Amino acid sequence: MANAFPFAKYFGEINLLSALQVSEGDKQFADRPPRNPETKDLLLYLGCNVLRTAHLAQTAIIVLKAMGFDFNTVGGPAYCCGIIHHKNGQPAAAHAYTAGSLRHVGAYEPSKVIMWCPSCNEHFDDVVSQEHDVAFPYEHYTAFVARHLDRVRFTRTIKRRVAIHYHTGHPQQESDRACARAILEAIPGIECVEVPNPPALGRHCSSTYIGRIGRPAWQAAIAGVARAAAEAGADTLGTIYHSCHREICELETGYPFEVVNYITLLAEAMELETPPDWYKEQKLRGDPRATFEEIRDVVEARGLDPQRVRDVLAKSFAPACEAPHGS
């Protein structure tokens, strides 16, 4: 079918962007089905799309380790929750993907799963828990960290005035918003300022929810959030979800604030060594050709297809007026 969703291409882009940012030797998460894994009570379930912004996945792992938790971490297409197939008219494939991921996660025998991805959390709540036997309790990363703030060692004062980009109108998003704010307010030196984020934005800034209102309406709503943040004197617009971070990080070019994820601010206050926001750097640069030349050695060393890399960089980082048709 000419209009069929390009599943292989979609997941391939995730793997490629991840490979550009994280070498095999530096991965702190399993992205393949386990073979006789060491079992642990806690498992951090990253999902797939966070690996486009790999620094967020890496930082989430680093923070939990610094808090003293011992856990396994999984992520990537091999652990897909099934939501992509489910939302694109392939319920049988979605069911199979979910079943496979549940088997892979089950091999670690976790007594608790911490979810980073809002799409995975949504799909587990709305579909997976109705269609499958989910053998473990799960909660979003924000709630888990907020409940264990007593384990955080703050060693640096972060002087920032932060407006939070949040999503509202659903109990899970209200919880994530409240927990992210609690985390930020616990950081010495941070002042949170309230700015309105309209319910029309849906549960997160994913293609599904942007598509429901149309990108022009979504852009207008986000511009309203940005103006309100600037008028409130915020020097930082804090994101909660990785999808939102990808979509709005380039607001920095037009407003007097930085766009930073809450987990990055928490890691900074703990004086943890974390990777840079490579994705945002390339979005702000807006020159995929220059990016390719800069990473050419990485592409060759990791055995990646140069033309495929060029295509994905163009789709991900070209300015909107130059992005490939249909992206």
C-alpha atoms as a PDB file:
ATOM      1  CA  MET A   1       0.000   0.000   0.000  1.00  0.00           C
ATOM      2  CA  ALA A   2       1.407   3.344  -1.050  1.00  0.00           C
ATOM      3  CA  ASN A   3       0.314   5.128   2.140  1.00  0.00           C
ATOM      4  CA  ALA A   4       1.290   2.370   4.583  1.00  0.00           C
ATOM      5  CA  PHE A   5       3.217   3.587   7.600  1.00  0.00           C
ATOM      6  CA  PRO A   6       6.982   3.008   7.071  1.00  0.00           C
ATOM      7  CA  PHE A   7       7.619   1.020  10.244  1.00  0.00           C
ATOM      8  CA  ALA A   8      11.101  -0.209   9.281  1.00  0.00           C
ATOM      9  CA  LYS A   9      12.213   3.296   8.343  1.00  0.00           C
ATOM     10  CA  TYR A  10      10.720   4.773  11.512  1.00  0.00           C
ATOM     11  CA  PHE A  11      12.505   2.377  13.869  1.00  0.00           C
ATOM     12  CA  GLY A  12      15.640   2.520  11.745  1.00  0.00           C
ATOM     13  CA  GLU A  13      15.860   6.283  12.303  1.00  0.00           C
ATOM     14  CA  ILE A  14      15.728   5.739  16.049  1.00  0.00           C
ATOM     15  CA  ASN A  15      18.539   3.187  15.931  1.00  0.00           C
ATOM     16  CA  LEU A  16      20.656   5.371  13.672  1.00  0.00           C
ATOM     17  CA  LEU A  17      20.314   8.548  15.745  1.00  0.00           C
ATOM     18  CA  SER A  18      21.110   6.515  18.839  1.00  0.00           C
ATOM     19  CA  ALA A  19      24.185   5.018  17.162  1.00  0.00           C
ATOM     20  CA  LEU A  20      25.439   8.496  16.231  1.00  0.00           C
ATOM     21  CA  GLN A  21      25.335   9.549  19.883  1.00  0.00           C
ATOM     22  CA  VAL A  22      26.176   6.402  21.857  1.00  0.00           C
ATOM     23  CA  SER A  23      28.761   3.788  20.938  1.00  0.00           C
ATOM     24  CA  GLU A  24      28.111   0.118  21.655  1.00  0.00           C
ATOM     25  CA  GLY A  25      30.740   0.172  24.386  1.00  0.00           C
ATOM     26  CA  ASP A  26      29.172   3.161  26.132  1.00  0.00           C
ATOM     27  CA  LYS A  27      25.599   1.886  26.246  1.00  0.00           C
ATOM     28  CA  GLN A  28      24.204   1.618  29.742  1.00  0.00           C
ATOM     29  CA  PHE A  29      21.004  -0.051  28.555  1.00  0.00           C
ATOM     30  CA  ALA A  30      20.076  -3.289  26.835  1.00  0.00           C
ATOM     31  CA  ASP A  31      18.599  -2.814  23.364  1.00  0.00           C
ATOM     32  CA  ARG A  32      18.421  -6.503  22.462  1.00  0.00           C
ATOM     33  CA  PRO A  33      16.508  -9.406  24.040  1.00  0.00           C
ATOM     34  CA  PRO A  34      18.384 -10.671  27.092  1.00  0.00           C
ATOM     35  CA  ARG A  35      20.265 -13.927  27.441  1.00  0.00           C
ATOM     36  CA  ASN A  36      20.357 -15.095  31.035  1.00  0.00           C
ATOM     37  CA  PRO A  37      20.271 -11.540  32.455  1.00  0.00           C
ATOM     38  CA  GLU A  38      21.109 -10.665  36.011  1.00  0.00           C
ATOM     39  CA  THR A  39      17.781 -10.137  37.736  1.00  0.00           C
ATOM     40  CA  LYS A  40      17.106  -7.023  39.803  1.00  0.00           C
ATOM     41  CA  ASP A  41      14.060  -5.641  41.581  1.00  0.00           C
ATOM     42  CA  LEU A  42      14.022  -2.415  39.579  1.00  0.00           C
ATOM     43  CA  LEU A  43      13.931  -2.002  35.804  1.00  0.00           C
ATOM     44  CA  LEU A  44      14.056   1.318  33.954  1.00  0.00           C
ATOM     45  CA  TYR A  45      11.999   1.036  30.754  1.00  0.00           C
ATOM     46  CA  LEU A  46      13.139   3.784  28.397  1.00  0.00           C
ATOM     47  CA  GLY A  47      10.924   3.079  25.388  1.00  0.00           C
ATOM     48  CA  CYS A  48      12.082   3.766  21.830  1.00  0.00           C
ATOM     49  CA  ASN A  49      11.901   7.410  20.852  1.00  0.00           C
ATOM     50  CA  VAL A  50      13.929   8.786  23.754  1.00  0.00           C
ATOM     51  CA  LEU A  51      16.991   7.377  21.972  1.00  0.00           C
ATOM     52  CA  ARG A  52      16.675  10.151  19.385  1.00  0.00           C
ATOM     53  CA  THR A  53      17.603  12.451  22.274  1.00  0.00           C
ATOM     54  CA  ALA A  54      20.031   9.928  23.744  1.00  0.00           C
ATOM     55  CA  HIS A  55      21.429  12.367  26.307  1.00  0.00           C
ATOM     56  CA  LEU A  56      18.101  12.246  28.157  1.00  0.00           C
ATOM     57  CA  ALA A  57      18.173   8.447  28.375  1.00  0.00           C
ATOM     58  CA  GLN A  58      21.777   8.519  29.553  1.00  0.00           C
ATOM     59  CA  THR A  59      21.070  11.244  32.122  1.00  0.00           C
ATOM     60  CA  ALA A  60      18.039   9.402  33.491  1.00  0.00           C
ATOM     61  CA  ILE A  61      20.261   6.371  34.110  1.00  0.00           C
ATOM     62  CA  ILE A  62      23.060   8.422  35.665  1.00  0.00           C
ATOM     63  CA  VAL A  63      20.663  10.163  38.077  1.00  0.00           C
ATOM     64  CA  LEU A  64      19.100   6.922  39.332  1.00  0.00           C
ATOM     65  CA  LYS A  65      22.548   5.430  39.893  1.00  0.00           C
ATOM     66  CA  ALA A  66      23.637   8.518  41.826  1.00  0.00           C
ATOM     67  CA  MET A  67      20.523   8.143  43.969  1.00  0.00           C
ATOM     68  CA  GLY A  68      21.835   4.732  44.991  1.00  0.00           C
ATOM     69  CA  PHE A  69      19.462   2.474  43.082  1.00  0.00           C
ATOM     70  CA  ASP A  70      20.549  -0.819  41.551  1.00  0.00           C
ATOM     71  CA  PHE A  71      18.523  -1.579  38.423  1.00  0.00           C
ATOM     72  CA  ASN A  72      18.461  -2.899  34.890  1.00  0.00           C
ATOM     73  CA  THR A  73      17.701  -0.627  31.928  1.00  0.00           C
ATOM     74  CA  VAL A  74      16.153  -1.540  28.575  1.00  0.00           C
ATOM     75  CA  GLY A  75      15.143   0.475  25.542  1.00  0.00           C
ATOM     76  CA  GLY A  76      14.968   0.686  21.789  1.00  0.00           C
ATOM     77  CA  PRO A  77      12.772  -0.940  19.127  1.00  0.00           C
ATOM     78  CA  ALA A  78      13.365  -4.460  20.517  1.00  0.00           C
ATOM     79  CA  TYR A  79      11.440  -3.292  23.582  1.00  0.00           C
ATOM     80  CA  CYS A  80       8.732  -1.383  21.700  1.00  0.00           C
ATOM     81  CA  CYS A  81       5.499  -1.199  23.691  1.00  0.00           C
ATOM     82  CA  GLY A  82       3.467  -1.584  20.490  1.00  0.00           C
ATOM     83  CA  ILE A  83       1.922   1.877  20.370  1.00  0.00           C
ATOM     84  CA  ILE A  84       3.330   2.768  16.938  1.00  0.00           C
ATOM     85  CA  HIS A  85       1.681  -0.233  15.263  1.00  0.00           C
ATOM     86  CA  HIS A  86      -1.474   0.226  17.344  1.00  0.00           C
ATOM     87  CA  LYS A  87      -1.929   3.842  16.246  1.00  0.00           C
ATOM     88  CA  ASN A  88      -1.169   3.032  12.616  1.00  0.00           C
ATOM     89  CA  GLY A  89      -3.766   0.377  11.988  1.00  0.00           C
ATOM     90  CA  GLN A  90      -1.806  -2.774  12.831  1.00  0.00           C
ATOM     91  CA  PRO A  91      -3.418  -4.130  16.026  1.00  0.00           C
ATOM     92  CA  ALA A  92      -2.182  -7.703  15.525  1.00  0.00           C
ATOM     93  CA  ALA A  93       1.398  -6.540  15.051  1.00  0.00           C
ATOM     94  CA  ALA A  94       1.037  -4.228  18.052  1.00  0.00           C
ATOM     95  CA  HIS A  95      -0.152  -7.131  20.182  1.00  0.00           C
ATOM     96  CA  ALA A  96       2.813  -9.243  19.043  1.00  0.00           C
ATOM     97  CA  TYR A  97       5.329  -6.461  19.711  1.00  0.00           C
ATOM     98  CA  THR A  98       3.902  -5.922  23.171  1.00  0.00           C
ATOM     99  CA  ALA A  99       3.985  -9.633  23.959  1.00  0.00           C
ATOM    100  CA  GLY A 100       7.631  -9.807  22.909  1.00  0.00           C
ATOM    101  CA  SER A 101       8.573  -6.794  25.009  1.00  0.00           C
ATOM    102  CA  LEU A 102       6.763  -8.214  28.028  1.00  0.00           C
ATOM    103  CA  ARG A 103       8.709 -11.468  27.644  1.00  0.00           C
ATOM    104  CA  HIS A 104      12.000  -9.577  27.366  1.00  0.00           C
ATOM    105  CA  VAL A 105      11.211  -7.426  30.407  1.00  0.00           C
ATOM    106  CA  GLY A 106       9.941 -10.448  32.318  1.00  0.00           C
ATOM    107  CA  ALA A 107      13.309 -12.161  31.872  1.00  0.00           C
ATOM    108  CA  TYR A 108      14.748  -9.581  34.287  1.00  0.00           C
ATOM    109  CA  GLU A 109      12.110 -10.509  36.899  1.00  0.00           C
ATOM    110  CA  PRO A 110      11.519  -6.930  38.090  1.00  0.00           C
ATOM    111  CA  SER A 111       9.265  -6.271  41.019  1.00  0.00           C
ATOM    112  CA  LYS A 112       8.852  -2.665  39.798  1.00  0.00           C
ATOM    113  CA  VAL A 113       9.216  -0.965  36.404  1.00  0.00           C
ATOM    114  CA  ILE A 114      10.009   2.733  36.059  1.00  0.00           C
ATOM    115  CA  MET A 115       8.718   4.194  32.787  1.00  0.00           C
ATOM    116  CA  TRP A 116      10.383   7.138  31.135  1.00  0.00           C
ATOM    117  CA  CYS A 117       8.267   7.402  27.974  1.00  0.00           C
ATOM    118  CA  PRO A 118       4.795   9.013  28.193  1.00  0.00           C
ATOM    119  CA  SER A 119       3.635   7.109  25.100  1.00  0.00           C
ATOM    120  CA  CYS A 120       4.583   3.776  26.678  1.00  0.00           C
ATOM    121  CA  ASN A 121       2.882   4.786  29.912  1.00  0.00           C
ATOM    122  CA  GLU A 122      -0.240   5.760  27.963  1.00  0.00           C
ATOM    123  CA  HIS A 123      -0.263   2.542  25.917  1.00  0.00           C
ATOM    124  CA  PHE A 124       0.232   0.344  28.970  1.00  0.00           C
ATOM    125  CA  ASP A 125      -2.608   2.108  30.768  1.00  0.00           C
ATOM    126  CA  ASP A 126      -5.077   2.175  27.875  1.00  0.00           C
ATOM    127  CA  VAL A 127      -4.308  -0.998  25.900  1.00  0.00           C
ATOM    128  CA  VAL A 128      -1.592  -3.310  27.229  1.00  0.00           C
ATOM    129  CA  SER A 129      -3.104  -3.793  30.684  1.00  0.00           C
ATOM    130  CA  GLN A 130      -6.411  -4.767  29.025  1.00  0.00           C
ATOM    131  CA  GLU A 131      -4.912  -7.183  26.469  1.00  0.00           C
ATOM    132  CA  HIS A 132      -2.025  -8.773  28.378  1.00  0.00           C
ATOM    133  CA  ASP A 133      -1.117 -10.037  31.808  1.00  0.00           C
ATOM    134  CA  VAL A 134       1.296  -7.356  33.039  1.00  0.00           C
ATOM    135  CA  ALA A 135       3.235  -9.108  35.785  1.00  0.00           C
ATOM    136  CA  PHE A 136       4.772  -5.995  37.343  1.00  0.00           C
ATOM    137  CA  PRO A 137       3.612  -2.634  38.692  1.00  0.00           C
ATOM    138  CA  TYR A 138       4.914   0.429  36.880  1.00  0.00           C
ATOM    139  CA  GLU A 139       5.039   4.173  37.380  1.00  0.00           C
ATOM    140  CA  HIS A 140       6.412   7.162  35.535  1.00  0.00           C
ATOM    141  CA  TYR A 141       9.994   8.269  36.175  1.00  0.00           C
ATOM    142  CA  THR A 142       8.872  11.634  37.566  1.00  0.00           C
ATOM    143  CA  ALA A 143       6.770   9.993  40.280  1.00  0.00           C
ATOM    144  CA  PHE A 144       9.521   7.571  41.250  1.00  0.00           C
ATOM    145  CA  VAL A 145      12.161  10.288  41.622  1.00  0.00           C
ATOM    146  CA  ALA A 146       9.781  12.670  43.407  1.00  0.00           C
ATOM    147  CA  ARG A 147       9.008   9.962  45.984  1.00  0.00           C
ATOM    148  CA  HIS A 148      12.700   9.407  46.619  1.00  0.00           C
ATOM    149  CA  LEU A 149      14.012  12.981  46.751  1.00  0.00           C
ATOM    150  CA  ASP A 150      15.470  12.168  50.168  1.00  0.00           C
ATOM    151  CA  ARG A 151      18.101  10.116  48.294  1.00  0.00           C
ATOM    152  CA  VAL A 152      19.251  13.071  46.192  1.00  0.00           C
ATOM    153  CA  ARG A 153      22.473  14.809  47.255  1.00  0.00           C
ATOM    154  CA  PHE A 154      22.295  18.419  46.097  1.00  0.00           C
ATOM    155  CA  THR A 155      25.803  19.833  45.875  1.00  0.00           C
ATOM    156  CA  ARG A 156      25.307  22.822  43.592  1.00  0.00           C
ATOM    157  CA  THR A 157      22.953  25.794  43.643  1.00  0.00           C
ATOM    158  CA  ILE A 158      21.281  26.349  40.269  1.00  0.00           C
ATOM    159  CA  LYS A 159      20.200  29.959  39.853  1.00  0.00           C
ATOM    160  CA  ARG A 160      17.418  29.664  37.291  1.00  0.00           C
ATOM    161  CA  ARG A 161      13.895  30.983  36.840  1.00  0.00           C
ATOM    162  CA  VAL A 162      12.073  28.046  35.243  1.00  0.00           C
ATOM    163  CA  ALA A 163       8.764  27.972  33.408  1.00  0.00           C
ATOM    164  CA  ILE A 164       7.601  24.382  32.888  1.00  0.00           C
ATOM    165  CA  HIS A 165       6.185  23.175  29.598  1.00  0.00           C
ATOM    166  CA  TYR A 166       3.624  20.659  30.805  1.00  0.00           C
ATOM    167  CA  HIS A 167       0.556  18.844  29.514  1.00  0.00           C
ATOM    168  CA  THR A 168      -2.776  18.922  31.263  1.00  0.00           C
ATOM    169  CA  GLY A 169      -6.270  17.485  31.093  1.00  0.00           C
ATOM    170  CA  HIS A 170      -5.400  13.876  31.957  1.00  0.00           C
ATOM    171  CA  PRO A 171      -4.637  12.358  35.403  1.00  0.00           C
ATOM    172  CA  GLN A 172      -1.273  10.912  34.308  1.00  0.00           C
ATOM    173  CA  GLN A 173      -0.128  14.215  32.840  1.00  0.00           C
ATOM    174  CA  GLU A 174      -1.287  16.071  35.948  1.00  0.00           C
ATOM    175  CA  SER A 175       0.771  13.672  38.048  1.00  0.00           C
ATOM    176  CA  ASP A 176       3.839  14.052  35.826  1.00  0.00           C
ATOM    177  CA  ARG A 177       3.491  17.834  35.953  1.00  0.00           C
ATOM    178  CA  ALA A 178       3.181  17.902  39.750  1.00  0.00           C
ATOM    179  CA  CYS A 179       6.103  15.519  40.245  1.00  0.00           C
ATOM    180  CA  ALA A 180       8.375  17.356  37.815  1.00  0.00           C
ATOM    181  CA  ARG A 181       7.589  20.624  39.590  1.00  0.00           C
ATOM    182  CA  ALA A 182       8.313  19.032  42.974  1.00  0.00           C
ATOM    183  CA  ILE A 183      11.680  17.859  41.677  1.00  0.00           C
ATOM    184  CA  LEU A 184      12.561  21.278  40.286  1.00  0.00           C
ATOM    185  CA  GLU A 185      11.409  23.117  43.422  1.00  0.00           C
ATOM    186  CA  ALA A 186      13.642  20.865  45.519  1.00  0.00           C
ATOM    187  CA  ILE A 187      16.721  22.060  43.615  1.00  0.00           C
ATOM    188  CA  PRO A 188      18.534  24.833  45.530  1.00  0.00           C
ATOM    189  CA  GLY A 189      18.300  28.135  43.674  1.00  0.00           C
ATOM    190  CA  ILE A 190      15.543  27.241  41.208  1.00  0.00           C
ATOM    191  CA  GLU A 191      12.408  29.384  41.138  1.00  0.00           C
ATOM    192  CA  CYS A 192       9.454  27.932  39.226  1.00  0.00           C
ATOM    193  CA  VAL A 193       7.056  30.347  37.534  1.00  0.00           C
ATOM    194  CA  GLU A 194       3.618  29.251  36.372  1.00  0.00           C
ATOM    195  CA  VAL A 195       2.695  29.751  32.719  1.00  0.00           C
ATOM    196  CA  PRO A 196      -0.462  28.374  31.042  1.00  0.00           C
ATOM    197  CA  ASN A 197      -0.143  25.331  28.784  1.00  0.00           C
ATOM    198  CA  PRO A 198      -3.480  24.676  27.036  1.00  0.00           C
ATOM    199  CA  PRO A 199      -5.240  21.282  27.275  1.00  0.00           C
ATOM    200  CA  ALA A 200      -5.515  21.280  23.470  1.00  0.00           C
ATOM    201  CA  LEU A 201      -1.860  20.175  23.367  1.00  0.00           C
ATOM    202  CA  GLY A 202      -2.961  16.696  24.437  1.00  0.00           C
ATOM    203  CA  ARG A 203      -0.870  14.325  26.529  1.00  0.00           C
ATOM    204  CA  HIS A 204       2.544  15.160  25.020  1.00  0.00           C
ATOM    205  CA  CYS A 205       4.044  16.759  21.929  1.00  0.00           C
ATOM    206  CA  SER A 206       4.065  13.613  19.812  1.00  0.00           C
ATOM    207  CA  SER A 207       3.042  13.363  16.171  1.00  0.00           C
ATOM    208  CA  THR A 208      -0.258  11.811  17.268  1.00  0.00           C
ATOM    209  CA  TYR A 209      -1.350  14.754  19.396  1.00  0.00           C
ATOM    210  CA  ILE A 210       0.141  17.394  17.119  1.00  0.00           C
ATOM    211  CA  GLY A 211      -1.747  15.771  14.250  1.00  0.00           C
ATOM    212  CA  ARG A 212      -5.049  15.921  16.125  1.00  0.00           C
ATOM    213  CA  ILE A 213      -5.066  19.720  16.245  1.00  0.00           C
ATOM    214  CA  GLY A 214      -2.845  20.282  13.200  1.00  0.00           C
ATOM    215  CA  ARG A 215       0.690  21.601  13.267  1.00  0.00           C
ATOM    216  CA  PRO A 216      -0.277  25.275  12.680  1.00  0.00           C
ATOM    217  CA  ALA A 217      -2.585  25.213  15.723  1.00  0.00           C
ATOM    218  CA  TRP A 218       0.060  23.361  17.743  1.00  0.00           C
ATOM    219  CA  GLN A 219       2.704  25.941  16.754  1.00  0.00           C
ATOM    220  CA  ALA A 220       0.382  28.783  17.766  1.00  0.00           C
ATOM    221  CA  ALA A 221      -0.254  27.153  21.156  1.00  0.00           C
ATOM    222  CA  ILE A 222       3.462  26.566  21.782  1.00  0.00           C
ATOM    223  CA  ALA A 223       4.242  30.145  20.751  1.00  0.00           C
ATOM    224  CA  GLY A 224       1.741  31.258  23.398  1.00  0.00           C
ATOM    225  CA  VAL A 225       3.557  29.185  26.018  1.00  0.00           C
ATOM    226  CA  ALA A 226       6.890  30.648  24.928  1.00  0.00           C
ATOM    227  CA  ARG A 227       5.610  34.242  25.044  1.00  0.00           C
ATOM    228  CA  ALA A 228       4.154  33.673  28.498  1.00  0.00           C
ATOM    229  CA  ALA A 229       7.472  32.229  29.703  1.00  0.00           C
ATOM    230  CA  ALA A 230       9.377  35.220  28.345  1.00  0.00           C
ATOM    231  CA  GLU A 231       6.895  37.686  29.856  1.00  0.00           C
ATOM    232  CA  ALA A 232       7.251  35.926  33.222  1.00  0.00           C
ATOM    233  CA  GLY A 233      10.987  36.535  33.109  1.00  0.00           C
ATOM    234  CA  ALA A 234      11.909  32.857  32.774  1.00  0.00           C
ATOM    235  CA  ASP A 235      15.475  32.171  31.717  1.00  0.00           C
ATOM    236  CA  THR A 236      14.653  28.465  31.266  1.00  0.00           C
ATOM    237  CA  LEU A 237      11.757  26.609  29.683  1.00  0.00           C
ATOM    238  CA  GLY A 238      11.812  23.200  31.336  1.00  0.00           C
ATOM    239  CA  THR A 239      10.552  20.176  29.434  1.00  0.00           C
ATOM    240  CA  ILE A 240       9.210  16.982  30.993  1.00  0.00           C
ATOM    241  CA  TYR A 241       8.942  14.632  28.006  1.00  0.00           C
ATOM    242  CA  HIS A 242      11.517  13.802  25.341  1.00  0.00           C
ATOM    243  CA  SER A 243       8.996  14.282  22.512  1.00  0.00           C
ATOM    244  CA  CYS A 244       8.322  17.824  23.725  1.00  0.00           C
ATOM    245  CA  HIS A 245      12.049  18.453  24.027  1.00  0.00           C
ATOM    246  CA  ARG A 246      12.628  17.430  20.404  1.00  0.00           C
ATOM    247  CA  GLU A 247       9.798  19.586  19.149  1.00  0.00           C
ATOM    248  CA  ILE A 248      10.402  22.807  21.077  1.00  0.00           C
ATOM    249  CA  CYS A 249      14.144  22.953  21.792  1.00  0.00           C
ATOM    250  CA  GLU A 250      14.719  25.307  18.857  1.00  0.00           C
ATOM    251  CA  LEU A 251      12.533  27.952  20.556  1.00  0.00           C
ATOM    252  CA  GLU A 252      15.848  29.165  21.962  1.00  0.00           C
ATOM    253  CA  THR A 253      16.499  30.921  18.644  1.00  0.00           C
ATOM    254  CA  GLY A 254      13.561  33.298  19.114  1.00  0.00           C
ATOM    255  CA  TYR A 255      13.135  33.730  22.871  1.00  0.00           C
ATOM    256  CA  PRO A 256      15.347  34.825  25.794  1.00  0.00           C
ATOM    257  CA  PHE A 257      15.464  31.440  27.519  1.00  0.00           C
ATOM    258  CA  GLU A 258      17.114  28.043  27.290  1.00  0.00           C
ATOM    259  CA  VAL A 259      15.094  24.877  26.736  1.00  0.00           C
ATOM    260  CA  VAL A 260      16.325  22.272  29.223  1.00  0.00           C
ATOM    261  CA  ASN A 261      14.776  19.028  30.422  1.00  0.00           C
ATOM    262  CA  TYR A 262      14.085  18.748  34.140  1.00  0.00           C
ATOM    263  CA  ILE A 263      16.337  15.677  34.462  1.00  0.00           C
ATOM    264  CA  THR A 264      19.280  17.684  33.107  1.00  0.00           C
ATOM    265  CA  LEU A 265      18.701  20.366  35.744  1.00  0.00           C
ATOM    266  CA  LEU A 266      18.509  17.731  38.474  1.00  0.00           C
ATOM    267  CA  ALA A 267      21.776  16.159  37.312  1.00  0.00           C
ATOM    268  CA  GLU A 268      23.429  19.586  37.230  1.00  0.00           C
ATOM    269  CA  ALA A 269      22.384  20.242  40.833  1.00  0.00           C
ATOM    270  CA  MET A 270      23.917  16.877  41.786  1.00  0.00           C
ATOM    271  CA  GLU A 271      27.129  17.793  39.910  1.00  0.00           C
ATOM    272  CA  LEU A 272      26.912  14.679  37.776  1.00  0.00           C
ATOM    273  CA  GLU A 273      28.877  14.312  34.566  1.00  0.00           C
ATOM    274  CA  THR A 274      26.318  13.965  31.794  1.00  0.00           C
ATOM    275  CA  PRO A 275      26.460  14.047  27.978  1.00  0.00           C
ATOM    276  CA  PRO A 276      25.643  17.242  26.073  1.00  0.00           C
ATOM    277  CA  ASP A 277      22.319  17.796  24.332  1.00  0.00           C
ATOM    278  CA  TRP A 278      23.572  16.807  20.866  1.00  0.00           C
ATOM    279  CA  TYR A 279      20.079  16.763  19.398  1.00  0.00           C
ATOM    280  CA  LYS A 280      19.386  20.362  20.413  1.00  0.00           C
ATOM    281  CA  GLU A 281      22.796  21.443  19.190  1.00  0.00           C
ATOM    282  CA  GLN A 282      21.975  20.127  15.718  1.00  0.00           C
ATOM    283  CA  LYS A 283      18.464  21.581  15.714  1.00  0.00           C
ATOM    284  CA  LEU A 284      19.850  25.008  16.572  1.00  0.00           C
ATOM    285  CA  ARG A 285      22.604  24.660  14.012  1.00  0.00           C
ATOM    286  CA  GLY A 286      20.106  23.759  11.287  1.00  0.00           C
ATOM    287  CA  ASP A 287      22.821  22.572   8.914  1.00  0.00           C
ATOM    288  CA  PRO A 288      22.711  18.787   8.435  1.00  0.00           C
ATOM    289  CA  ARG A 289      25.499  18.906   5.857  1.00  0.00           C
ATOM    290  CA  ALA A 290      27.854  20.498   8.366  1.00  0.00           C
ATOM    291  CA  THR A 291      26.731  18.005  10.989  1.00  0.00           C
ATOM    292  CA  PHE A 292      27.568  15.116   8.664  1.00  0.00           C
ATOM    293  CA  GLU A 293      31.067  16.455   7.999  1.00  0.00           C
ATOM    294  CA  GLU A 294      31.606  16.856  11.731  1.00  0.00           C
ATOM    295  CA  ILE A 295      30.612  13.256  12.462  1.00  0.00           C
ATOM    296  CA  ARG A 296      31.990  11.609   9.322  1.00  0.00           C
ATOM    297  CA  ASP A 297      34.634   9.744  11.359  1.00  0.00           C
ATOM    298  CA  VAL A 298      31.938   8.422  13.711  1.00  0.00           C
ATOM    299  CA  VAL A 299      29.839   7.244  10.768  1.00  0.00           C
ATOM    300  CA  GLU A 300      32.797   5.344   9.308  1.00  0.00           C
ATOM    301  CA  ALA A 301      33.990   3.944  12.644  1.00  0.00           C
ATOM    302  CA  ARG A 302      30.542   2.594  13.514  1.00  0.00           C
ATOM    303  CA  GLY A 303      29.912   1.138  10.066  1.00  0.00           C
ATOM    304  CA  LEU A 304      26.869   3.286   9.287  1.00  0.00           C
ATOM    305  CA  ASP A 305      25.536   3.879   5.785  1.00  0.00           C
ATOM    306  CA  PRO A 306      26.650   7.439   4.886  1.00  0.00           C
ATOM    307  CA  GLN A 307      23.690   8.144   2.606  1.00  0.00           C
ATOM    308  CA  ARG A 308      21.232   6.892   5.165  1.00  0.00           C
ATOM    309  CA  VAL A 309      22.889   9.110   7.778  1.00  0.00           C
ATOM    310  CA  ARG A 310      22.619  12.124   5.464  1.00  0.00           C
ATOM    311  CA  ASP A 311      18.925  11.409   4.875  1.00  0.00           C
ATOM    312  CA  VAL A 312      18.125  11.093   8.593  1.00  0.00           C
ATOM    313  CA  LEU A 313      20.108  14.213   9.470  1.00  0.00           C
ATOM    314  CA  ALA A 314      18.267  16.158   6.767  1.00  0.00           C
ATOM    315  CA  LYS A 315      14.893  14.969   8.033  1.00  0.00           C
ATOM    316  CA  SER A 316      15.732  15.658  11.659  1.00  0.00           C
ATOM    317  CA  PHE A 317      17.711  18.885  11.539  1.00  0.00           C
ATOM    318  CA  ALA A 318      17.089  20.821   8.336  1.00  0.00           C
ATOM    319  CA  PRO A 319      15.177  24.088   8.857  1.00  0.00           C
ATOM    320  CA  ALA A 320      11.457  23.603   8.268  1.00  0.00           C
ATOM    321  CA  CYS A 321      11.510  25.307   4.878  1.00  0.00           C
ATOM    322  CA  GLU A 322      14.282  22.964   3.702  1.00  0.00           C
ATOM    323  CA  ALA A 323      13.172  19.687   5.287  1.00  0.00           C
ATOM    324  CA  PRO A 324      12.622  16.798   2.843  1.00  0.00           C
ATOM    325  CA  HIS A 325       9.095  16.609   1.473  1.00  0.00           C
ATOM    326  CA  GLY A 326       6.757  14.530   3.599  1.00  0.00           C
ATOM    327  CA  SER A 327       8.923  14.570   6.725  1.00  0.00           C
END
